[in-house]
């Protein structure tokens, strides 16, 4: 499901960090579409008087130059995907966010 972020204020909340498939940080998560290592990007997403910090997966090749905490950013190809899994005998479900790229917002 594509996400329209035009009406929102999106601010970089942390430096990007590598995403791993395992808790020990030994197996890098790979983007199926590009084959690149995935990174996690935390942003403050403010819309309609509410704000949340959310995490978005972005391929390493999609990390824009000059990104600094506190800068307004924009995602290209931002989509939400629901997932469900059984972990330690418990059914878990959530929404995963992924984008093709994140860059500093022009004119910000």
PDB file of N, CA and C in Angstrom:
ATOM      1  N   UNK A   1       0.846  -1.154   0.000  1.00  0.00           N
ATOM      2  CA  UNK A   1       0.000   0.000   0.000  1.00  0.00           C
ATOM      3  C   UNK A   1       0.908   1.238   0.000  1.00  0.00           C
ATOM      4  N   UNK A   2       0.848   2.063  -1.034  1.00  0.00           N
ATOM      5  CA  UNK A   2       1.675   3.273  -1.084  1.00  0.00           C
ATOM      6  C   UNK A   2       1.217   4.302  -0.050  1.00  0.00           C
ATOM      7  N   UNK A   3       2.158   5.075   0.448  1.00  0.00           N
ATOM      8  CA  UNK A   3       1.864   6.093   1.461  1.00  0.00           C
ATOM      9  C   UNK A   3       2.171   7.473   0.886  1.00  0.00           C
ATOM     10  N   UNK A   4       1.170   8.347   0.907  1.00  0.00           N
ATOM     11  CA  UNK A   4       1.353   9.736   0.479  1.00  0.00           C
ATOM     12  C   UNK A   4       1.826  10.546   1.678  1.00  0.00           C
ATOM     13  N   UNK A   5       3.047  11.028   1.610  1.00  0.00           N
ATOM     14  CA  UNK A   5       3.608  11.788   2.727  1.00  0.00           C
ATOM     15  C   UNK A   5       3.591  13.287   2.479  1.00  0.00           C
ATOM     16  N   UNK A   6       2.994  13.725   1.357  1.00  0.00           N
ATOM     17  CA  UNK A   6       2.992  15.149   1.010  1.00  0.00           C
ATOM     18  C   UNK A   6       2.399  16.033   2.093  1.00  0.00           C
ATOM     19  N   UNK A   7       1.271  15.650   2.727  1.00  0.00           N
ATOM     20  CA  UNK A   7       0.703  16.552   3.735  1.00  0.00           C
ATOM     21  C   UNK A   7       1.408  16.466   5.095  1.00  0.00           C
ATOM     22  N   UNK A   8       2.397  15.618   5.227  1.00  0.00           N
ATOM     23  CA  UNK A   8       3.046  15.394   6.520  1.00  0.00           C
ATOM     24  C   UNK A   8       4.383  16.124   6.602  1.00  0.00           C
ATOM     25  N   UNK A   9       4.839  16.328   7.818  1.00  0.00           N
ATOM     26  CA  UNK A   9       6.183  16.821   8.087  1.00  0.00           C
ATOM     27  C   UNK A   9       6.997  15.601   8.509  1.00  0.00           C
ATOM     28  N   UNK A  10       8.067  15.307   7.787  1.00  0.00           N
ATOM     29  CA  UNK A  10       8.892  14.132   8.065  1.00  0.00           C
ATOM     30  C   UNK A  10      10.307  14.619   8.354  1.00  0.00           C
ATOM     31  N   UNK A  11      10.763  14.383   9.589  1.00  0.00           N
ATOM     32  CA  UNK A  11      12.073  14.861  10.058  1.00  0.00           C
ATOM     33  C   UNK A  11      12.942  13.652  10.423  1.00  0.00           C
ATOM     34  N   UNK A  12      14.188  13.658   9.957  1.00  0.00           N
ATOM     35  CA  UNK A  12      15.111  12.581  10.286  1.00  0.00           C
ATOM     36  C   UNK A  12      15.383  12.580  11.793  1.00  0.00           C
ATOM     37  N   UNK A  13      15.112  11.454  12.451  1.00  0.00           N
ATOM     38  CA  UNK A  13      15.232  11.364  13.909  1.00  0.00           C
ATOM     39  C   UNK A  13      16.508  10.665  14.367  1.00  0.00           C
ATOM     40  N   UNK A  14      17.164   9.917  13.476  1.00  0.00           N
ATOM     41  CA  UNK A  14      18.412   9.243  13.848  1.00  0.00           C
ATOM     42  C   UNK A  14      19.222   8.947  12.599  1.00  0.00           C
ATOM     43  N   UNK A  15      20.495   8.699  12.775  1.00  0.00           N
ATOM     44  CA  UNK A  15      21.343   8.267  11.659  1.00  0.00           C
ATOM     45  C   UNK A  15      20.854   6.885  11.213  1.00  0.00           C
ATOM     46  N   UNK A  16      21.002   6.584   9.935  1.00  0.00           N
ATOM     47  CA  UNK A  16      20.615   5.254   9.468  1.00  0.00           C
ATOM     48  C   UNK A  16      21.545   4.211  10.082  1.00  0.00           C
ATOM     49  N   UNK A  17      21.023   3.008  10.188  1.00  0.00           N
ATOM     50  CA  UNK A  17      21.829   1.905  10.735  1.00  0.00           C
ATOM     51  C   UNK A  17      21.525   0.637   9.948  1.00  0.00           C
ATOM     52  N   UNK A  18      22.493  -0.267   9.826  1.00  0.00           N
ATOM     53  CA  UNK A  18      22.254  -1.507   9.086  1.00  0.00           C
ATOM     54  C   UNK A  18      21.141  -2.331   9.733  1.00  0.00           C
ATOM     55  N   UNK A  19      20.381  -3.001   8.895  1.00  0.00           N
ATOM     56  CA  UNK A  19      19.308  -3.891   9.352  1.00  0.00           C
ATOM     57  C   UNK A  19      19.821  -5.327   9.250  1.00  0.00           C
ATOM     58  N   UNK A  20      19.582  -6.126  10.277  1.00  0.00           N
ATOM     59  CA  UNK A  20      20.030  -7.518  10.293  1.00  0.00           C
ATOM     60  C   UNK A  20      18.844  -8.452  10.434  1.00  0.00           C
ATOM     61  N   UNK A  21      18.970  -9.649   9.847  1.00  0.00           N
ATOM     62  CA  UNK A  21      17.915 -10.659   9.941  1.00  0.00           C
ATOM     63  C   UNK A  21      17.920 -11.333  11.306  1.00  0.00           C
ATOM     64  N   UNK A  22      19.067 -11.377  11.959  1.00  0.00           N
ATOM     65  CA  UNK A  22      19.186 -12.065  13.241  1.00  0.00           C
ATOM     66  C   UNK A  22      19.481 -11.073  14.362  1.00  0.00           C
ATOM     67  N   UNK A  23      19.176 -11.468  15.571  1.00  0.00           N
ATOM     68  CA  UNK A  23      19.387 -10.598  16.742  1.00  0.00           C
ATOM     69  C   UNK A  23      20.862 -10.355  17.039  1.00  0.00           C
ATOM     70  N   UNK A  24      21.720 -11.271  16.621  1.00  0.00           N
ATOM     71  CA  UNK A  24      23.148 -11.147  16.915  1.00  0.00           C
ATOM     72  C   UNK A  24      23.850 -10.164  15.981  1.00  0.00           C
ATOM     73  N   UNK A  25      23.181  -9.733  14.930  1.00  0.00           N
ATOM     74  CA  UNK A  25      23.779  -8.786  13.994  1.00  0.00           C
ATOM     75  C   UNK A  25      24.831  -9.413  13.102  1.00  0.00           C
ATOM     76  N   UNK A  26      24.631 -10.669  12.733  1.00  0.00           N
ATOM     77  CA  UNK A  26      25.595 -11.368  11.892  1.00  0.00           C
ATOM     78  C   UNK A  26      25.134 -11.490  10.435  1.00  0.00           C
ATOM     79  N   UNK A  27      23.813 -11.509  10.211  1.00  0.00           N
ATOM     80  CA  UNK A  27      23.273 -11.705   8.866  1.00  0.00           C
ATOM     81  C   UNK A  27      22.574 -10.433   8.380  1.00  0.00           C
ATOM     82  N   UNK A  28      23.220  -9.679   7.487  1.00  0.00           N
ATOM     83  CA  UNK A  28      22.590  -8.465   6.985  1.00  0.00           C
ATOM     84  C   UNK A  28      21.294  -8.795   6.239  1.00  0.00           C
ATOM     85  N   UNK A  29      20.288  -7.959   6.421  1.00  0.00           N
ATOM     86  CA  UNK A  29      19.044  -8.104   5.673  1.00  0.00           C
ATOM     87  C   UNK A  29      19.279  -7.536   4.272  1.00  0.00           C
ATOM     88  N   UNK A  30      18.830  -8.271   3.270  1.00  0.00           N
ATOM     89  CA  UNK A  30      19.042  -7.893   1.878  1.00  0.00           C
ATOM     90  C   UNK A  30      17.706  -7.508   1.252  1.00  0.00           C
ATOM     91  N   UNK A  31      17.706  -6.423   0.502  1.00  0.00           N
ATOM     92  CA  UNK A  31      16.518  -5.968  -0.203  1.00  0.00           C
ATOM     93  C   UNK A  31      16.259  -6.872  -1.399  1.00  0.00           C
ATOM     94  N   UNK A  32      15.066  -7.450  -1.472  1.00  0.00           N
ATOM     95  CA  UNK A  32      14.738  -8.371  -2.568  1.00  0.00           C
ATOM     96  C   UNK A  32      14.746  -7.674  -3.928  1.00  0.00           C
ATOM     97  N   UNK A  33      14.341  -6.416  -3.956  1.00  0.00           N
ATOM     98  CA  UNK A  33      14.226  -5.703  -5.234  1.00  0.00           C
ATOM     99  C   UNK A  33      15.583  -5.309  -5.811  1.00  0.00           C
ATOM    100  N   UNK A  34      16.537  -4.930  -4.963  1.00  0.00           N
ATOM    101  CA  UNK A  34      17.810  -4.389  -5.456  1.00  0.00           C
ATOM    102  C   UNK A  34      19.023  -5.254  -5.143  1.00  0.00           C
ATOM    103  N   UNK A  35      18.903  -6.154  -4.163  1.00  0.00           N
ATOM    104  CA  UNK A  35      20.052  -6.948  -3.729  1.00  0.00           C
ATOM    105  C   UNK A  35      20.963  -6.189  -2.781  1.00  0.00           C
ATOM    106  N   UNK A  36      20.623  -4.937  -2.465  1.00  0.00           N
ATOM    107  CA  UNK A  36      21.443  -4.107  -1.568  1.00  0.00           C
ATOM    108  C   UNK A  36      21.132  -4.422  -0.112  1.00  0.00           C
ATOM    109  N   UNK A  37      22.091  -4.123   0.761  1.00  0.00           N
ATOM    110  CA  UNK A  37      21.846  -4.251   2.200  1.00  0.00           C
ATOM    111  C   UNK A  37      20.785  -3.243   2.606  1.00  0.00           C
ATOM    112  N   UNK A  38      19.902  -3.656   3.507  1.00  0.00           N
ATOM    113  CA  UNK A  38      18.866  -2.758   4.012  1.00  0.00           C
ATOM    114  C   UNK A  38      19.372  -1.985   5.215  1.00  0.00           C
ATOM    115  N   UNK A  39      18.928  -0.748   5.318  1.00  0.00           N
ATOM    116  CA  UNK A  39      19.206   0.092   6.474  1.00  0.00           C
ATOM    117  C   UNK A  39      17.889   0.504   7.109  1.00  0.00           C
ATOM    118  N   UNK A  40      17.932   0.823   8.389  1.00  0.00           N
ATOM    119  CA  UNK A  40      16.772   1.321   9.116  1.00  0.00           C
ATOM    120  C   UNK A  40      16.941   2.814   9.320  1.00  0.00           C
ATOM    121  N   UNK A  41      15.872   3.554   9.024  1.00  0.00           N
ATOM    122  CA  UNK A  41      15.883   5.011   9.158  1.00  0.00           C
ATOM    123  C   UNK A  41      14.719   5.395  10.054  1.00  0.00           C
ATOM    124  N   UNK A  42      14.998   6.065  11.173  1.00  0.00           N
ATOM    125  CA  UNK A  42      13.952   6.545  12.077  1.00  0.00           C
ATOM    126  C   UNK A  42      13.613   7.984  11.705  1.00  0.00           C
ATOM    127  N   UNK A  43      12.312   8.257  11.596  1.00  0.00           N
ATOM    128  CA  UNK A  43      11.858   9.614  11.305  1.00  0.00           C
ATOM    129  C   UNK A  43      10.708   9.981  12.228  1.00  0.00           C
ATOM    130  N   UNK A  44      10.573  11.286  12.467  1.00  0.00           N
ATOM    131  CA  UNK A  44       9.397  11.798  13.158  1.00  0.00           C
ATOM    132  C   UNK A  44       8.413  12.155  12.052  1.00  0.00           C
ATOM    133  N   UNK A  45       7.261  11.516  12.073  1.00  0.00           N
ATOM    134  CA  UNK A  45       6.229  11.692  11.053  1.00  0.00           C
ATOM    135  C   UNK A  45       5.083  12.445  11.711  1.00  0.00           C
ATOM    136  N   UNK A  46       4.901  13.717  11.347  1.00  0.00           N
ATOM    137  CA  UNK A  46       3.861  14.558  11.955  1.00  0.00           C
ATOM    138  C   UNK A  46       2.775  14.841  10.927  1.00  0.00           C
ATOM    139  N   UNK A  47       1.525  14.592  11.334  1.00  0.00           N
ATOM    140  CA  UNK A  47       0.398  14.797  10.437  1.00  0.00           C
ATOM    141  C   UNK A  47      -0.862  15.015  11.256  1.00  0.00           C
ATOM    142  N   UNK A  48      -1.610  16.028  10.890  1.00  0.00           N
ATOM    143  CA  UNK A  48      -2.924  16.256  11.490  1.00  0.00           C
ATOM    144  C   UNK A  48      -2.853  16.437  13.013  1.00  0.00           C
ATOM    145  N   UNK A  49      -1.821  17.147  13.482  1.00  0.00           N
ATOM    146  CA  UNK A  49      -1.700  17.432  14.901  1.00  0.00           C
ATOM    147  C   UNK A  49      -1.120  16.321  15.753  1.00  0.00           C
ATOM    148  N   UNK A  50      -0.688  15.231  15.124  1.00  0.00           N
ATOM    149  CA  UNK A  50      -0.080  14.113  15.866  1.00  0.00           C
ATOM    150  C   UNK A  50       1.284  13.799  15.283  1.00  0.00           C
ATOM    151  N   UNK A  51       2.166  13.285  16.113  1.00  0.00           N
ATOM    152  CA  UNK A  51       3.504  12.912  15.653  1.00  0.00           C
ATOM    153  C   UNK A  51       3.894  11.563  16.228  1.00  0.00           C
ATOM    154  N   UNK A  52       4.597  10.787  15.420  1.00  0.00           N
ATOM    155  CA  UNK A  52       5.106   9.488  15.850  1.00  0.00           C
ATOM    156  C   UNK A  52       6.499   9.302  15.280  1.00  0.00           C
ATOM    157  N   UNK A  53       7.314   8.554  15.988  1.00  0.00           N
ATOM    158  CA  UNK A  53       8.596   8.145  15.428  1.00  0.00           C
ATOM    159  C   UNK A  53       8.364   6.787  14.782  1.00  0.00           C
ATOM    160  N   UNK A  54       8.696   6.684  13.500  1.00  0.00           N
ATOM    161  CA  UNK A  54       8.527   5.433  12.780  1.00  0.00           C
ATOM    162  C   UNK A  54       9.859   5.023  12.169  1.00  0.00           C
ATOM    163  N   UNK A  55       9.999   3.742  11.879  1.00  0.00           N
ATOM    164  CA  UNK A  55      11.207   3.205  11.274  1.00  0.00           C
ATOM    165  C   UNK A  55      10.868   2.711   9.873  1.00  0.00           C
ATOM    166  N   UNK A  56      11.708   3.086   8.919  1.00  0.00           N
ATOM    167  CA  UNK A  56      11.505   2.711   7.524  1.00  0.00           C
ATOM    168  C   UNK A  56      12.757   1.973   7.038  1.00  0.00           C
ATOM    169  N   UNK A  57      12.548   0.865   6.316  1.00  0.00           N
ATOM    170  CA  UNK A  57      13.656   0.131   5.704  1.00  0.00           C
ATOM    171  C   UNK A  57      13.957   0.763   4.350  1.00  0.00           C
ATOM    172  N   UNK A  58      15.260   1.023   4.110  1.00  0.00           N
ATOM    173  CA  UNK A  58      15.702   1.642   2.863  1.00  0.00           C
ATOM    174  C   UNK A  58      16.964   0.906   2.403  1.00  0.00           C
ATOM    175  N   UNK A  59      17.060   0.549   1.103  1.00  0.00           N
ATOM    176  CA  UNK A  59      18.306  -0.056   0.630  1.00  0.00           C
ATOM    177  C   UNK A  59      19.461   0.934   0.766  1.00  0.00           C
ATOM    178  N   UNK A  60      20.634   0.400   1.047  1.00  0.00           N
ATOM    179  CA  UNK A  60      21.820   1.246   1.235  1.00  0.00           C
ATOM    180  C   UNK A  60      22.012   2.194   0.050  1.00  0.00           C
ATOM    181  N   UNK A  61      21.731   1.708  -1.149  1.00  0.00           N
ATOM    182  CA  UNK A  61      21.893   2.532  -2.344  1.00  0.00           C
ATOM    183  C   UNK A  61      20.892   3.691  -2.404  1.00  0.00           C
ATOM    184  N   UNK A  62      19.835   3.651  -1.576  1.00  0.00           N
ATOM    185  CA  UNK A  62      18.820   4.701  -1.563  1.00  0.00           C
ATOM    186  C   UNK A  62      19.001   5.731  -0.472  1.00  0.00           C
ATOM    187  N   UNK A  63      20.099   5.655   0.266  1.00  0.00           N
ATOM    188  CA  UNK A  63      20.359   6.630   1.327  1.00  0.00           C
ATOM    189  C   UNK A  63      20.962   7.888   0.709  1.00  0.00           C
ATOM    190  N   UNK A  64      20.240   8.993   0.777  1.00  0.00           N
ATOM    191  CA  UNK A  64      20.684  10.251   0.181  1.00  0.00           C
ATOM    192  C   UNK A  64      21.937  10.799   0.852  1.00  0.00           C
ATOM    193  N   UNK A  65      22.647  11.625   0.135  1.00  0.00           N
ATOM    194  CA  UNK A  65      23.850  12.279   0.656  1.00  0.00           C
ATOM    195  C   UNK A  65      23.456  13.447   1.560  1.00  0.00           C
ATOM    196  N   UNK A  66      24.271  13.699   2.572  1.00  0.00           N
ATOM    197  CA  UNK A  66      24.082  14.863   3.423  1.00  0.00           C
ATOM    198  C   UNK A  66      22.915  14.778   4.396  1.00  0.00           C
ATOM    199  N   UNK A  67      22.418  13.571   4.662  1.00  0.00           N
ATOM    200  CA  UNK A  67      21.322  13.433   5.630  1.00  0.00           C
ATOM    201  C   UNK A  67      21.856  13.678   7.035  1.00  0.00           C
ATOM    202  N   UNK A  68      21.187  14.552   7.766  1.00  0.00           N
ATOM    203  CA  UNK A  68      21.573  14.860   9.149  1.00  0.00           C
ATOM    204  C   UNK A  68      20.323  14.861  10.009  1.00  0.00           C
ATOM    205  N   UNK A  69      20.474  14.396  11.240  1.00  0.00           N
ATOM    206  CA  UNK A  69      19.363  14.380  12.186  1.00  0.00           C
ATOM    207  C   UNK A  69      18.782  15.787  12.293  1.00  0.00           C
ATOM    208  N   UNK A  70      17.463  15.884  12.226  1.00  0.00           N
ATOM    209  CA  UNK A  70      16.773  17.163  12.330  1.00  0.00           C
ATOM    210  C   UNK A  70      16.364  17.749  10.986  1.00  0.00           C
ATOM    211  N   UNK A  71      16.898  17.206   9.892  1.00  0.00           N
ATOM    212  CA  UNK A  71      16.545  17.711   8.562  1.00  0.00           C
ATOM    213  C   UNK A  71      15.207  17.129   8.100  1.00  0.00           C
ATOM    214  N   UNK A  72      14.393  17.944   7.420  1.00  0.00           N
ATOM    215  CA  UNK A  72      13.205  17.399   6.761  1.00  0.00           C
ATOM    216  C   UNK A  72      13.651  16.475   5.623  1.00  0.00           C
ATOM    217  N   UNK A  73      12.989  15.335   5.486  1.00  0.00           N
ATOM    218  CA  UNK A  73      13.328  14.369   4.446  1.00  0.00           C
ATOM    219  C   UNK A  73      12.071  13.959   3.692  1.00  0.00           C
ATOM    220  N   UNK A  74      12.305  13.325   2.562  1.00  0.00           N
ATOM    221  CA  UNK A  74      11.203  12.779   1.773  1.00  0.00           C
ATOM    222  C   UNK A  74      11.613  11.380   1.313  1.00  0.00           C
ATOM    223  N   UNK A  75      10.656  10.467   1.334  1.00  0.00           N
ATOM    224  CA  UNK A  75      10.883   9.103   0.872  1.00  0.00           C
ATOM    225  C   UNK A  75      10.364   8.959  -0.546  1.00  0.00           C
ATOM    226  N   UNK A  76      11.064   8.196  -1.341  1.00  0.00           N
ATOM    227  CA  UNK A  76      10.605   7.822  -2.669  1.00  0.00           C
ATOM    228  C   UNK A  76      10.113   6.383  -2.584  1.00  0.00           C
ATOM    229  N   UNK A  77       8.929   6.122  -3.119  1.00  0.00           N
ATOM    230  CA  UNK A  77       8.398   4.763  -3.141  1.00  0.00           C
ATOM    231  C   UNK A  77       8.077   4.203  -1.767  1.00  0.00           C
ATOM    232  N   UNK A  78       7.552   5.031  -0.871  1.00  0.00           N
ATOM    233  CA  UNK A  78       7.224   4.581   0.488  1.00  0.00           C
ATOM    234  C   UNK A  78       5.958   3.717   0.458  1.00  0.00           C
ATOM    235  N   UNK A  79       6.077   2.491   0.967  1.00  0.00           N
ATOM    236  CA  UNK A  79       4.948   1.567   1.006  1.00  0.00           C
ATOM    237  C   UNK A  79       4.858   0.893   2.371  1.00  0.00           C
ATOM    238  N   UNK A  80       3.638   0.520   2.720  1.00  0.00           N
ATOM    239  CA  UNK A  80       3.387  -0.221   3.962  1.00  0.00           C
ATOM    240  C   UNK A  80       2.955  -1.629   3.591  1.00  0.00           C
ATOM    241  N   UNK A  81       3.463  -2.610   4.330  1.00  0.00           N
ATOM    242  CA  UNK A  81       3.101  -4.008   4.111  1.00  0.00           C
ATOM    243  C   UNK A  81       2.770  -4.652   5.449  1.00  0.00           C
ATOM    244  N   UNK A  82       1.640  -5.318   5.496  1.00  0.00           N
ATOM    245  CA  UNK A  82       1.270  -6.054   6.711  1.00  0.00           C
ATOM    246  C   UNK A  82       2.020  -7.382   6.724  1.00  0.00           C
ATOM    247  N   UNK A  83       2.419  -7.820   7.917  1.00  0.00           N
ATOM    248  CA  UNK A  83       3.047  -9.129   8.044  1.00  0.00           C
ATOM    249  C   UNK A  83       2.472  -9.842   9.261  1.00  0.00           C
ATOM    250  N   UNK A  84       2.561 -11.151   9.218  1.00  0.00           N
ATOM    251  CA  UNK A  84       2.094 -11.998  10.322  1.00  0.00           C
ATOM    252  C   UNK A  84       3.039 -13.175  10.424  1.00  0.00           C
ATOM    253  N   UNK A  85       3.350 -13.557  11.658  1.00  0.00           N
ATOM    254  CA  UNK A  85       4.308 -14.627  11.872  1.00  0.00           C
ATOM    255  C   UNK A  85       4.076 -15.239  13.247  1.00  0.00           C
ATOM    256  N   UNK A  86       4.494 -16.468  13.426  1.00  0.00           N
ATOM    257  CA  UNK A  86       4.470 -17.081  14.749  1.00  0.00           C
ATOM    258  C   UNK A  86       5.888 -17.036  15.292  1.00  0.00           C
ATOM    259  N   UNK A  87       6.053 -16.364  16.429  1.00  0.00           N
ATOM    260  CA  UNK A  87       7.367 -16.218  17.050  1.00  0.00           C
ATOM    261  C   UNK A  87       7.264 -16.728  18.474  1.00  0.00           C
ATOM    262  N   UNK A  88       8.047 -17.744  18.801  1.00  0.00           N
ATOM    263  CA  UNK A  88       8.032 -18.348  20.133  1.00  0.00           C
ATOM    264  C   UNK A  88       6.631 -18.767  20.550  1.00  0.00           C
ATOM    265  N   UNK A  89       5.890 -19.351  19.619  1.00  0.00           N
ATOM    266  CA  UNK A  89       4.558 -19.853  19.928  1.00  0.00           C
ATOM    267  C   UNK A  89       3.466 -18.808  19.998  1.00  0.00           C
ATOM    268  N   UNK A  90       3.791 -17.558  19.705  1.00  0.00           N
ATOM    269  CA  UNK A  90       2.796 -16.489  19.744  1.00  0.00           C
ATOM    270  C   UNK A  90       2.603 -15.919  18.353  1.00  0.00           C
ATOM    271  N   UNK A  91       1.347 -15.690  17.987  1.00  0.00           N
ATOM    272  CA  UNK A  91       1.062 -15.043  16.709  1.00  0.00           C
ATOM    273  C   UNK A  91       1.380 -13.563  16.829  1.00  0.00           C
ATOM    274  N   UNK A  92       2.178 -13.066  15.902  1.00  0.00           N
ATOM    275  CA  UNK A  92       2.562 -11.655  15.889  1.00  0.00           C
ATOM    276  C   UNK A  92       2.194 -11.064  14.539  1.00  0.00           C
ATOM    277  N   UNK A  93       1.840  -9.801  14.553  1.00  0.00           N
ATOM    278  CA  UNK A  93       1.540  -9.108  13.303  1.00  0.00           C
ATOM    279  C   UNK A  93       1.864  -7.634  13.472  1.00  0.00           C
ATOM    280  N   UNK A  94       2.161  -6.992  12.349  1.00  0.00           N
ATOM    281  CA  UNK A  94       2.532  -5.582  12.387  1.00  0.00           C
ATOM    282  C   UNK A  94       2.515  -5.042  10.963  1.00  0.00           C
ATOM    283  N   UNK A  95       2.922  -3.816  10.826  1.00  0.00           N
ATOM    284  CA  UNK A  95       3.066  -3.160   9.533  1.00  0.00           C
ATOM    285  C   UNK A  95       4.544  -2.839   9.349  1.00  0.00           C
ATOM    286  N   UNK A  96       5.080  -3.178   8.193  1.00  0.00           N
ATOM    287  CA  UNK A  96       6.470  -2.882   7.862  1.00  0.00           C
ATOM    288  C   UNK A  96       6.471  -1.758   6.830  1.00  0.00           C
ATOM    289  N   UNK A  97       7.369  -0.800   6.993  1.00  0.00           N
ATOM    290  CA  UNK A  97       7.489   0.310   6.048  1.00  0.00           C
ATOM    291  C   UNK A  97       8.797   0.190   5.292  1.00  0.00           C
ATOM    292  N   UNK A  98       8.725   0.358   3.966  1.00  0.00           N
ATOM    293  CA  UNK A  98       9.904   0.276   3.119  1.00  0.00           C
ATOM    294  C   UNK A  98       9.835   1.377   2.072  1.00  0.00           C
ATOM    295  N   UNK A  99      11.001   1.924   1.732  1.00  0.00           N
ATOM    296  CA  UNK A  99      11.075   2.954   0.688  1.00  0.00           C
ATOM    297  C   UNK A  99      12.233   2.637  -0.224  1.00  0.00           C
ATOM    298  N   UNK A 100      12.141   3.130  -1.464  1.00  0.00           N
ATOM    299  CA  UNK A 100      13.240   2.965  -2.415  1.00  0.00           C
ATOM    300  C   UNK A 100      14.390   3.875  -2.046  1.00  0.00           C
ATOM    301  N   UNK A 101      14.079   5.065  -1.508  1.00  0.00           N
ATOM    302  CA  UNK A 101      15.121   6.049  -1.186  1.00  0.00           C
ATOM    303  C   UNK A 101      14.627   7.047  -0.161  1.00  0.00           C
ATOM    304  N   UNK A 102      15.577   7.681   0.532  1.00  0.00           N
ATOM    305  CA  UNK A 102      15.288   8.800   1.426  1.00  0.00           C
ATOM    306  C   UNK A 102      16.307   9.893   1.123  1.00  0.00           C
ATOM    307  N   UNK A 103      15.802  11.128   0.942  1.00  0.00           N
ATOM    308  CA  UNK A 103      16.671  12.253   0.612  1.00  0.00           C
ATOM    309  C   UNK A 103      16.232  13.480   1.410  1.00  0.00           C
ATOM    310  N   UNK A 104      17.150  14.447   1.520  1.00  0.00           N
ATOM    311  CA  UNK A 104      16.797  15.708   2.171  1.00  0.00           C
ATOM    312  C   UNK A 104      15.723  16.387   1.317  1.00  0.00           C
ATOM    313  N   UNK A 105      14.749  17.015   1.980  1.00  0.00           N
ATOM    314  CA  UNK A 105      13.669  17.677   1.274  1.00  0.00           C
ATOM    315  C   UNK A 105      14.190  18.953   0.621  1.00  0.00           C
ATOM    316  N   UNK A 106      13.917  19.113  -0.649  1.00  0.00           N
ATOM    317  CA  UNK A 106      14.371  20.287  -1.399  1.00  0.00           C
ATOM    318  C   UNK A 106      13.653  21.534  -0.870  1.00  0.00           C
ATOM    319  N   UNK A 107      14.423  22.591  -0.656  1.00  0.00           N
ATOM    320  CA  UNK A 107      13.855  23.851  -0.176  1.00  0.00           C
ATOM    321  C   UNK A 107      13.646  23.897   1.316  1.00  0.00           C
ATOM    322  N   UNK A 108      14.145  22.901   2.016  1.00  0.00           N
ATOM    323  CA  UNK A 108      13.954  22.878   3.475  1.00  0.00           C
ATOM    324  C   UNK A 108      15.104  23.547   4.183  1.00  0.00           C
TER     325      UNK A 108
END
